[in-house]
Protein backbone atom coordinates (compact mmCIF):
# COMPACT_ATOMS: atom_id res chain seq x y z
CA MET A 1 -0.12 -0.06 0.19
CA LEU A 2 2.76 2.13 0.81
CA ARG A 3 4.97 1.74 -2.22
CA LEU A 4 1.83 2.16 -4.59
CA TYR A 5 0.88 5.31 -2.49
CA ILE A 6 4.42 6.99 -3.20
CA THR A 7 4.10 6.09 -6.94
CA GLN A 8 0.81 8.00 -7.49
CA LYS A 9 0.44 11.61 -8.13
CA ALA A 10 -1.59 13.61 -5.44
CA THR A 11 -5.01 14.59 -5.67
CA THR A 12 -5.44 16.67 -2.91
CA PHE A 13 -2.90 19.52 -1.81
CA ARG A 14 -2.50 18.19 1.64
CA GLU A 15 -0.92 14.92 -0.42
CA TYR A 16 1.13 17.12 -2.05
CA ALA A 17 2.38 18.94 1.01
CA VAL A 18 2.93 16.40 3.56
CA GLY A 19 2.20 13.43 1.95
CA ASN A 20 -1.38 12.79 3.65
CA LYS A 21 0.48 11.60 6.92
CA ARG A 22 0.64 8.12 5.65
CA LEU A 23 4.17 7.76 5.63
CA HIS A 24 6.19 5.24 7.64
CA THR A 25 8.55 6.21 10.35
CA SER A 26 11.61 4.74 8.27
CA ARG A 27 10.78 6.87 4.93
CA LEU A 28 10.29 9.98 7.29
CA VAL A 29 13.55 9.27 8.88
CA THR A 30 15.25 8.75 5.39
CA THR A 31 13.85 12.19 4.40
CA PHE A 32 14.89 14.16 7.40
CA LEU A 33 18.44 12.65 7.12
CA ALA A 34 18.65 13.81 3.40
CA THR A 35 17.47 17.24 4.53
CA LEU A 36 20.12 17.67 6.93
CA PHE A 37 22.85 15.85 5.01
CA GLY A 38 22.78 17.38 1.88
CA GLY A 39 25.72 18.14 -0.53
CA GLY A 40 26.46 21.50 1.20
CA VAL A 41 27.37 19.48 4.80
CA LEU A 42 29.41 17.34 2.87
CA MET A 43 31.57 19.93 0.74
CA ARG A 44 31.47 22.53 3.44
CA GLU A 45 31.95 20.39 6.81
CA ILE A 46 35.12 18.31 5.75
CA PRO A 47 37.07 21.45 5.05
CA ASN A 48 35.83 23.25 8.24
CA VAL A 49 36.62 20.09 10.72
CA TYR A 50 40.04 20.05 9.20
CA ASP A 51 40.81 23.76 9.48
CA LYS A 52 39.24 24.04 12.96
CA GLY A 53 39.83 20.80 14.64
CA ILE A 54 37.79 19.25 17.80
CA VAL A 55 35.82 22.52 18.37
CA HIS A 56 34.36 22.43 15.31
CA ILE A 57 33.80 18.88 15.82
CA ILE A 58 32.07 19.34 19.14
CA ILE A 59 29.77 21.96 17.50
CA ILE A 60 28.45 20.10 14.71
CA GLY A 61 27.91 17.03 17.50
CA SER A 62 25.96 19.27 19.78
CA PHE A 63 23.72 20.23 16.55
CA PHE A 64 21.98 16.97 17.31
CA LEU A 65 21.32 18.33 20.84
CA HIS A 66 19.05 20.81 18.91
CA ILE A 67 16.86 17.75 17.07
CA TYR A 68 16.85 16.31 20.47
CA ILE A 69 15.00 19.42 21.88
CA ILE A 70 12.69 19.50 18.95
CA HIS A 71 11.44 16.14 19.85
CA LEU A 72 10.72 17.36 23.21
CA LEU A 73 8.12 20.03 21.61
CA GLY A 74 6.93 17.56 19.12
CA LEU A 75 5.31 15.42 21.91
CA ARG A 76 3.18 18.59 22.50
CA MET A 77 2.09 19.33 18.92
CA GLY A 78 -1.11 17.46 18.79
CA PRO A 79 -3.24 20.30 18.57
CA PHE A 80 -1.37 21.47 15.19
CA MET A 81 -0.72 18.02 13.61
CA GLN A 82 -2.97 18.74 10.98
CA HIS A 83 -1.61 21.83 9.79
CA LEU A 84 0.55 21.91 6.91
CA SER A 85 3.41 23.98 7.62
CA ILE A 86 4.66 26.45 10.95
CA ALA A 87 3.35 29.25 8.94
CA ASP A 88 -0.21 27.32 9.46
CA THR A 89 0.58 26.61 12.88
CA ILE A 90 1.30 30.51 13.59
CA GLY A 91 -1.45 31.96 11.80
CA ASN A 92 -3.99 29.71 13.88
CA VAL A 93 -2.84 30.98 17.12
CA TYR A 94 -1.55 34.52 16.15
CA GLY A 95 -3.76 35.31 13.02
CA LYS A 96 -2.83 36.41 9.23
CA TYR A 97 -0.46 38.82 9.54
CA PRO A 98 2.45 37.00 11.77
CA ARG A 99 1.37 33.96 9.51
CA MET A 100 2.08 36.16 6.51
CA ILE A 101 5.59 37.00 7.79
CA THR A 102 6.24 33.55 9.05
CA ALA A 103 5.62 32.30 5.66
CA LEU A 104 7.67 35.19 3.64
CA LEU A 105 10.61 34.51 6.32
CA ALA A 106 10.52 30.69 5.51
CA THR A 107 10.44 31.02 1.73
CA SER A 108 13.35 33.21 2.37
CA CYS A 109 15.35 30.55 4.23
CA ALA A 110 14.14 28.02 1.65
CA ILE A 111 15.51 30.00 -1.21
CA GLY A 112 18.83 30.32 0.77
CA PHE A 113 18.97 26.61 1.16
CA VAL A 114 18.52 26.36 -2.66
CA ALA A 115 21.37 28.75 -3.05
CA ILE A 116 24.04 26.72 -1.18
CA GLN A 117 22.80 23.54 -3.19
CA ILE A 118 23.16 25.19 -6.62
CA ASN A 119 26.76 26.44 -5.37
CA VAL A 120 27.59 22.92 -4.30
CA MET A 121 26.12 21.29 -8.06
CA SER A 122 28.08 23.75 -9.65
CA SER A 123 31.26 22.89 -7.75
CA ALA A 124 30.62 19.31 -8.58
CA ILE A 125 29.75 19.77 -12.40
CA GLY A 126 33.02 21.54 -12.34
CA MET A 127 35.00 18.81 -10.77
CA CYS A 128 34.19 16.69 -14.37
CA MET A 129 34.18 19.66 -16.87
CA ASP A 130 37.13 22.10 -16.10
CA ALA A 131 37.08 24.11 -19.08
CA ILE A 132 33.48 25.09 -19.04
CA ASP A 133 32.53 28.74 -17.96
CA ALA A 134 31.47 28.87 -14.55
CA SER A 135 28.31 30.89 -15.15
CA MET A 136 27.23 28.56 -17.23
CA VAL A 137 27.64 25.82 -15.02
CA ILE A 138 25.29 27.65 -12.46
CA PHE A 139 22.63 28.17 -14.78
CA LEU A 140 22.91 24.48 -15.71
CA ALA A 141 22.83 23.20 -12.23
CA THR A 142 19.66 25.50 -11.62
CA LEU A 143 17.96 24.10 -14.66
CA VAL A 144 18.73 20.51 -13.50
CA LEU A 145 17.42 21.43 -10.07
CA VAL A 146 14.38 23.20 -10.64
CA SER A 147 13.36 20.86 -13.48
CA TYR A 148 13.20 17.94 -11.10
CA ALA A 149 11.53 19.82 -8.25
CA ILE A 150 8.68 21.25 -10.58
CA PHE A 151 7.58 17.68 -11.82
CA GLY A 152 6.31 16.45 -8.25
CA GLY A 153 5.37 17.03 -4.74
CA MET A 154 6.41 15.21 -1.75
CA ARG A 155 6.09 12.15 -4.24
CA THR A 156 9.53 13.04 -5.69
CA VAL A 157 11.11 14.23 -2.49
CA ILE A 158 10.80 10.93 -1.20
CA MET A 159 11.99 9.14 -3.93
CA THR A 160 14.83 10.92 -4.09
CA ASP A 161 15.69 10.91 -0.62
CA LEU A 162 15.90 7.26 -0.76
CA LEU A 163 18.30 7.39 -3.13
CA GLN A 164 20.49 10.08 -1.03
CA PHE A 165 20.05 7.57 1.58
CA VAL A 166 21.94 5.02 -0.74
CA THR A 167 24.91 7.76 -1.11
CA PHE A 168 25.50 7.89 2.87
CA THR A 169 25.60 4.30 3.08
CA ILE A 170 28.15 3.95 0.10
CA VAL A 171 30.08 6.95 -0.60
CA ILE A 172 30.82 7.90 2.80
CA PRO A 173 32.77 4.98 3.53
CA LEU A 174 34.03 4.65 0.21
CA LEU A 175 35.52 8.05 0.59
CA ILE A 176 36.84 6.97 4.24
CA LYS A 177 38.65 4.37 2.85
CA PHE A 178 40.07 6.22 -0.06
CA VAL A 179 41.43 8.85 1.87
CA PHE A 180 42.72 6.56 4.40
CA ILE A 181 44.52 4.43 1.81
CA LYS A 182 46.14 7.95 0.30
CA ALA A 183 47.29 9.28 3.76
CA ASP A 184 49.43 6.51 3.82
CA LYS A 185 49.74 5.97 7.52
CA SER A 186 48.90 3.66 9.83
CA PHE A 187 46.10 4.00 12.71
CA LEU A 188 48.73 4.01 15.50
CA GLU A 189 50.78 6.66 13.25
CA ALA A 190 47.42 8.76 12.44
CA ILE A 191 46.73 8.94 16.40
CA SER A 192 50.12 9.82 17.20
CA LEU A 193 50.22 12.73 14.44
CA LEU A 194 46.49 13.95 15.68
CA GLN A 195 48.11 14.03 19.33
CA MET A 196 50.58 16.43 18.32
CA GLN A 197 48.19 18.88 16.71
CA GLU A 198 46.58 21.42 19.12
CA LYS A 199 43.62 22.06 17.50
CA PHE A 200 42.84 18.28 17.74
CA GLN A 201 43.29 17.83 21.61
CA PHE A 202 40.58 17.35 24.05
CA LYS A 203 42.51 19.73 26.32
CA LYS A 204 41.92 22.78 24.22
CA LEU A 205 38.33 22.75 25.03
CA PHE A 206 39.12 23.03 28.60
CA GLN A 207 41.50 26.12 27.97
CA PHE A 208 40.21 29.33 28.48
CA ASP A 209 40.46 30.75 25.14
CA LYS A 210 38.35 33.80 23.94
CA LYS A 211 37.99 32.67 20.61
CA VAL A 212 37.11 29.15 21.10
CA LEU A 213 34.64 31.04 23.63
CA ASN A 214 33.17 33.37 21.33
CA MET A 215 32.58 30.54 18.84
CA VAL A 216 30.61 28.40 21.46
CA LEU A 217 28.51 31.75 22.45
CA ASN A 218 27.85 32.41 18.60
CA ASN A 219 26.31 29.01 17.92
CA LEU A 220 24.55 28.87 21.10
CA TYR A 221 21.32 30.04 19.49
CA TYR A 222 21.28 26.97 17.25
CA ALA A 223 20.31 24.75 20.15
CA ILE A 224 16.60 26.66 19.59
CA ALA A 225 17.11 28.08 15.94
CA PHE A 226 14.71 25.94 14.43
CA ASN A 227 14.66 26.02 10.52
CA PRO A 228 11.49 25.53 8.34
CA ALA A 229 12.91 22.23 6.93
CA ILE A 230 13.36 20.74 10.35
CA ILE A 231 10.13 21.59 11.42
CA GLN A 232 8.50 20.91 8.50
CA HIS A 233 8.97 17.25 9.39
CA ILE A 234 6.91 17.26 12.28
CA TYR A 235 3.63 17.89 10.07
CA MET A 236 4.82 15.16 7.62
CA SER A 237 3.99 12.69 10.73
CA THR A 238 1.30 10.70 12.14
CA SER A 239 1.35 11.85 15.30
CA PRO A 240 3.36 13.08 18.66
CA ILE A 241 4.61 9.49 19.21
CA GLN A 242 5.98 9.22 15.46
CA VAL A 243 7.42 12.65 15.77
CA LYS A 244 9.33 11.14 18.91
CA LYS A 245 10.37 8.05 17.00
CA VAL A 246 11.77 10.04 13.96
CA PHE A 247 13.70 12.62 15.93
CA LEU A 248 15.49 10.36 17.97
CA ARG A 249 16.64 7.78 15.30
CA VAL A 250 17.61 10.81 13.35
CA THR A 251 19.85 11.87 16.14
CA LEU A 252 21.31 8.59 16.47
CA TRP A 253 22.03 8.22 12.68
CA GLY A 254 22.93 11.99 12.29
CA LEU A 255 25.70 11.24 14.73
CA ILE A 256 27.14 8.07 12.95
CA ILE A 257 26.88 9.89 9.56
CA SER A 258 28.64 12.83 11.19
CA GLY A 259 31.28 10.52 12.62
CA GLY A 260 32.09 9.54 9.01
CA ILE A 261 32.76 13.01 7.57
CA PHE A 262 34.56 13.82 10.51
CA LEU A 263 36.97 10.62 9.62
CA ILE A 264 37.37 12.02 6.15
CA ALA A 265 38.50 15.38 7.45
CA LEU A 266 40.83 13.81 9.94
CA PHE A 267 42.46 11.48 7.59
CA VAL A 268 42.97 14.51 4.69
CA PHE A 269 44.58 16.09 7.23
CA ILE A 270 46.80 13.10 8.53
CA GLY A 271 47.69 13.28 4.62
CA ASP A 272 48.63 16.68 4.08
CA SER A 273 48.17 19.29 6.92
CA THR A 274 49.13 22.35 4.94
CA LEU A 275 46.29 22.50 2.44
CA LEU A 276 44.03 25.98 2.41
CA LYS A 277 40.24 25.29 2.71
CA GLU A 278 39.56 25.56 -0.92
CA GLU A 279 42.16 23.08 -1.82
CA ILE A 280 40.76 20.03 0.31
CA TRP A 281 38.37 18.72 -2.29
CA LEU A 282 40.80 18.86 -4.86
CA HIS A 283 43.12 17.17 -2.91
CA ILE A 284 40.65 14.22 -2.26
CA LEU A 285 39.51 13.78 -6.01
CA THR A 286 43.16 13.82 -7.30
CA ASP A 287 44.67 10.66 -7.70
CA MET A 288 41.25 8.97 -7.72
CA SER A 289 40.19 6.97 -10.52
CA PRO A 290 37.58 8.39 -13.23
CA ALA A 291 35.00 5.68 -11.78
CA TYR A 292 35.41 6.69 -8.52
CA ARG A 293 35.43 10.17 -9.29
CA ILE A 294 32.03 10.17 -11.09
CA CYS A 295 30.72 7.92 -8.45
CA VAL A 296 31.56 10.67 -5.61
CA VAL A 297 30.37 13.44 -7.94
CA ILE A 298 27.00 12.05 -8.87
CA SER A 299 26.56 11.27 -5.17
CA ILE A 300 27.06 15.16 -4.33
CA LEU A 301 24.64 15.75 -7.07
CA VAL A 302 21.86 13.63 -5.65
CA MET A 303 22.19 14.95 -2.11
CA THR A 304 21.82 18.86 -3.43
CA ILE A 305 19.05 17.70 -5.52
CA SER A 306 17.35 16.10 -2.80
CA THR A 307 17.68 19.02 -0.37
CA GLY A 308 17.34 21.62 -2.88
CA ASP A 309 13.98 19.68 -3.94
CA PHE A 310 12.69 19.65 -0.39
CA ALA A 311 13.55 23.42 0.10
CA LEU A 312 11.64 24.38 -2.81
CA HIS A 313 8.81 22.25 -1.83
CA ILE A 314 8.87 24.14 1.30
CA ALA A 315 8.72 27.63 -0.55
CA ALA A 316 5.89 26.44 -2.62
CA ILE A 317 3.62 25.40 0.24
CA MET A 318 4.45 28.70 1.98
CA VAL A 319 3.18 30.73 -0.91
CA SER A 320 0.44 28.83 -2.47
CA HIS A 321 -1.28 28.11 1.01
CA ASP A 322 -0.20 30.38 3.82
CA MET A 323 0.49 33.52 2.16
CA MET A 324 -2.61 33.08 -0.71
CA GLU A 325 -4.88 32.40 2.24
CA SER A 326 -3.76 35.06 4.36
CA MET A 327 -3.82 37.83 1.84
CA ARG A 328 -7.20 36.34 -0.17
CA GLY A 329 -8.94 35.01 3.21
CA ILE A 330 -10.06 31.87 1.48
CA GLN A 331 -9.74 29.04 2.95
CA ALA A 332 -10.03 26.49 0.15
CA THR A 333 -8.42 27.02 -2.82
CA PRO A 334 -9.06 24.63 -5.55
CA TYR A 335 -6.14 21.98 -5.83
CA ILE A 336 -5.38 22.70 -9.65
CA GLN A 337 -4.79 26.37 -8.70
CA GLN A 338 -2.31 25.61 -5.86
CA LEU A 339 -0.58 23.04 -8.06
CA ARG A 340 -0.04 25.48 -10.77
CA LEU A 341 1.16 28.24 -8.45
CA SER A 342 3.26 26.01 -6.55
CA LYS A 343 5.23 25.22 -9.62
CA LEU A 344 5.47 29.05 -10.69
CA ILE A 345 7.03 29.47 -6.98
CA LYS A 346 9.40 26.63 -7.75
CA LEU A 347 10.58 28.28 -10.89
CA VAL A 348 10.96 32.09 -9.27
CA GLY A 349 12.52 30.49 -5.86
CA GLY A 350 15.17 28.42 -8.27
CA LEU A 351 15.86 31.53 -10.26
CA LEU A 352 16.10 33.79 -6.73
CA ALA A 353 18.44 31.15 -5.65
CA MET A 354 20.63 31.52 -8.83
CA ILE A 355 21.10 35.20 -8.41
CA ILE A 356 21.88 34.80 -5.01
CA THR A 357 24.67 32.04 -6.01
CA PHE A 358 26.12 34.43 -9.02
CA TYR A 359 26.58 37.38 -6.03
CA HIS A 360 28.15 34.84 -3.27
CA PRO A 361 30.34 32.22 -5.70
CA ASN A 362 32.26 31.10 -2.50
CA LEU A 363 30.70 28.25 -0.74
CA PHE A 364 31.77 29.39 2.45
CA ALA A 365 31.03 33.01 2.54
CA LEU A 366 27.24 32.03 0.94
CA THR A 367 26.98 29.47 3.43
CA LYS A 368 27.64 32.27 6.38
CA PHE A 369 25.55 34.83 4.48
CA ILE A 370 22.66 32.22 4.52
CA PHE A 371 22.65 31.28 8.11
CA GLU A 372 23.43 34.94 9.29
CA TYR A 373 20.56 36.64 7.84
CA PHE A 374 18.16 34.53 6.30
CA ILE A 375 18.11 31.51 9.23
CA GLY A 376 18.98 34.07 11.83
CA CYS A 377 15.95 36.56 11.34
CA PHE A 378 13.50 33.36 10.93
CA ALA A 379 15.07 31.97 14.05
CA ILE A 380 14.38 35.63 15.83
CA THR A 381 11.14 36.35 14.40
CA VAL A 382 9.18 32.77 14.56
CA VAL A 383 10.83 30.67 16.83
CA PRO A 384 9.73 32.20 20.26
CA PRO A 385 6.07 32.78 19.20
CA PHE A 386 6.06 28.93 17.97
CA ILE A 387 7.60 27.54 21.21
CA LEU A 388 5.12 29.44 23.16
CA ALA A 389 2.05 28.51 21.10
CA VAL A 390 3.28 24.68 21.29
CA PHE A 391 3.64 24.94 25.19
CA GLY A 392 -0.18 26.35 25.51
CA PHE A 393 0.17 30.14 25.20
CA ARG A 394 -2.49 31.70 23.00
CA GLY A 395 -1.89 35.09 22.19
CA THR A 396 -3.20 37.91 19.82
CA ALA A 397 -1.56 39.08 16.41
CA SER A 398 -0.36 42.61 18.24
CA THR A 399 1.33 40.47 21.09
CA ALA A 400 3.11 38.65 18.22
CA LEU A 401 3.79 41.54 16.21
CA MET A 402 5.38 43.20 19.24
CA GLY A 403 7.55 40.26 20.05
CA MET A 404 8.80 40.10 16.37
CA ALA A 405 9.54 43.80 16.17
CA ILE A 406 11.68 43.82 19.73
CA GLY A 407 13.62 40.67 18.04
CA ILE A 408 14.55 42.78 15.13
CA LEU A 409 15.43 45.96 16.83
CA VAL A 410 17.52 43.60 19.70
CA ILE A 411 19.82 42.04 17.16
CA LEU A 412 20.08 45.39 15.04
CA THR A 413 21.03 47.28 18.03
CA TRP A 414 23.43 44.67 19.24
CA ASN A 415 25.08 43.95 15.93
CA HIS A 416 25.59 47.56 15.62
CA TRP A 417 27.01 48.78 18.99
CA VAL A 418 27.65 45.65 21.33
CA GLN A 419 29.23 43.01 18.59
CA PRO A 420 32.06 45.13 17.46
CA LYS A 421 33.12 45.58 21.19
CA ILE A 422 33.00 41.95 22.52
CA GLU A 423 32.68 39.93 19.16
CA ILE A 424 29.85 37.98 20.60
CA ASP A 425 26.61 37.62 18.23
CA GLY A 426 23.50 38.85 19.50
CA LYS A 427 20.95 36.39 18.23
CA PHE A 428 20.36 34.27 21.14
CA ILE A 429 19.42 37.64 23.18
CA ALA A 430 16.84 38.74 20.82
CA ILE A 431 15.09 35.30 20.78
CA ILE A 432 15.29 35.88 24.44
CA SER A 433 13.78 39.06 24.13
CA ASN A 434 10.92 38.35 21.88
CA GLY A 435 9.88 35.76 23.74
CA LEU A 436 9.70 37.85 27.14
CA THR A 437 8.11 40.84 25.14
CA MET A 438 5.33 38.58 24.04
CA VAL A 439 4.85 37.32 27.73
CA ALA A 440 5.22 40.79 29.22
CA ALA A 441 2.83 42.20 26.63
CA HIS A 442 0.30 39.72 27.45
CA TYR A 443 -0.20 40.48 31.01
CA LEU A 444 0.50 44.13 30.68
CA LEU A 445 -1.85 44.76 28.06
CA PHE A 446 -5.54 44.56 27.80
CA GLN A 447 -6.41 41.21 26.15
CA PRO A 448 -9.67 39.79 24.46
CA PRO A 449 -11.18 36.70 26.35
CA GLY A 450 -9.79 33.39 25.65
CA LYS A 451 -6.20 34.53 25.20
CA GLY A 452 -3.51 33.21 27.78
CA TRP A 453 -2.25 29.98 28.68
CA ILE A 454 -4.25 26.81 28.14
CA GLU A 455 -3.92 23.11 29.73
CA PRO A 456 -2.66 20.24 27.89
CA ASP A 457 -5.50 18.81 25.53
CA ASP A 458 -6.36 15.02 26.20
CA GLN A 459 -4.17 13.61 23.65
CA GLN A 460 -1.22 15.37 25.33
CA LYS A 461 -2.53 14.05 28.69
CA ARG A 462 -2.41 10.24 27.51
CA ILE A 463 1.17 10.96 25.85
CA LYS A 464 2.67 12.01 29.15
CA GLN A 465 0.58 9.09 30.54
CA LEU A 466 2.02 6.30 28.26
CA ILE A 467 5.62 7.71 28.56
CA GLN A 468 5.55 7.59 32.45
CA ALA A 469 4.17 4.05 32.43
CA PHE A 470 6.90 3.09 29.69
CA LYS A 471 9.48 4.57 32.08
CA LYS A 472 8.11 2.43 35.16
CA PHE A 473 7.90 -0.68 32.81
CA LYS A 474 11.40 -0.27 31.95
CA LYS A 475 12.63 0.60 35.30
CA SER A 476 10.92 -2.61 36.88
CA ILE A 477 12.69 -4.89 33.97
CA ASP A 478 15.76 -3.47 34.91
CA LEU A 479 15.29 -4.33 38.91
CA ASP A 480 14.19 -7.52 37.93
CA SER A 481 17.50 -8.11 36.09
CA VAL A 482 19.49 -6.75 39.12
CA VAL A 483 17.42 -9.28 41.21
CA ILE A 484 18.10 -12.29 38.87
CA LYS A 485 21.90 -11.61 38.50
CA SER A 486 22.27 -11.41 42.20
């Protein structure tokens, strides 16, 4: 039944957007991993680990604490599971204007992610065709990505993600083997060499280093800076229980895949510790047989197409569903109209992403730009009202808009006057300011009836009881095993 469902075309916008919530947990885990580990991660994080060492390994590893935190929120998402997006939830709680802002910012984030994938695709294509013009490569990469994204909804996303999962299980181990052989060092020699490098020593984490401290504080907001691509997997799930399963499994598999990426970077460093970040992939592919090189390039292309396809899919949902309903006040738009608009949005979004890529051809500069402005603005503006809503807060549109405005004002003020002096980014402070402003405005200003904190619904109470019962059952099993052993 599931296989038949995936191969059929969607007949409603709900099917097109979230797969009609009939996806098996393993399929959701695969789709989620494909979203997290796009080609940009492979192309970007190997050089970053090579350059920054143990500090960057810890930062990337701690990202999965962020995934674990979201699973705790997912257990309280019962009242919102029938929504199609985070903008849909924001609109349900705070009204149409916060919904429009959320949809606009989420669309911007999606286009930013697509720009990163186009950049990676152009780099991958350039690995095989050195003589071709860079602008032509970017245009070709955009054409391939947008063409693929336009021809389907969640159906094509899942099919591509399944193919990308194959790249995780084949190409990453293949790269580990290749760079280890190329390093021409035994395990003992490799460990001895790393022990002599200060940036790969664990004691560096416990030394008071202003540069390291600033890096950690600057990445602190990632613990709660949920981006639309991650949150969308909650709405694709059947229930909060499935959300818990999906996010916990993604945390485990994500750490395993990250470990493989770290090993590639470490073996490259062992082989040659004098490379620049921009030279690392050239070093990896040098001396690789044409068949292996083509396999690696195709795998990177599959990764980028999968992640870019999902990002364009999110942009299409935000515009054709959330923004159009907010602007027109229509709750039921014909599916064929939404589908046509979605395809148009994918085309326009791809072209906008291509323009961004032209202005930022360097992958590291582009990634910093996207995360600094696009993801940062979304996190500061949308995450606090979303978290409050999940925990039972029901505010007005003015309350949410005040919090959003204060969050933006705080980050602008902080980055203009404070950050140049202490070199610490203010996004985490801005997120907290947004949430506190909303709560303060609710209690200090007049509020209409029905607003404020609500009690957990029956579904949330049942989930909590099931979790407590499972913990007691597990504890009783552990005690019985201790008694038997004694």
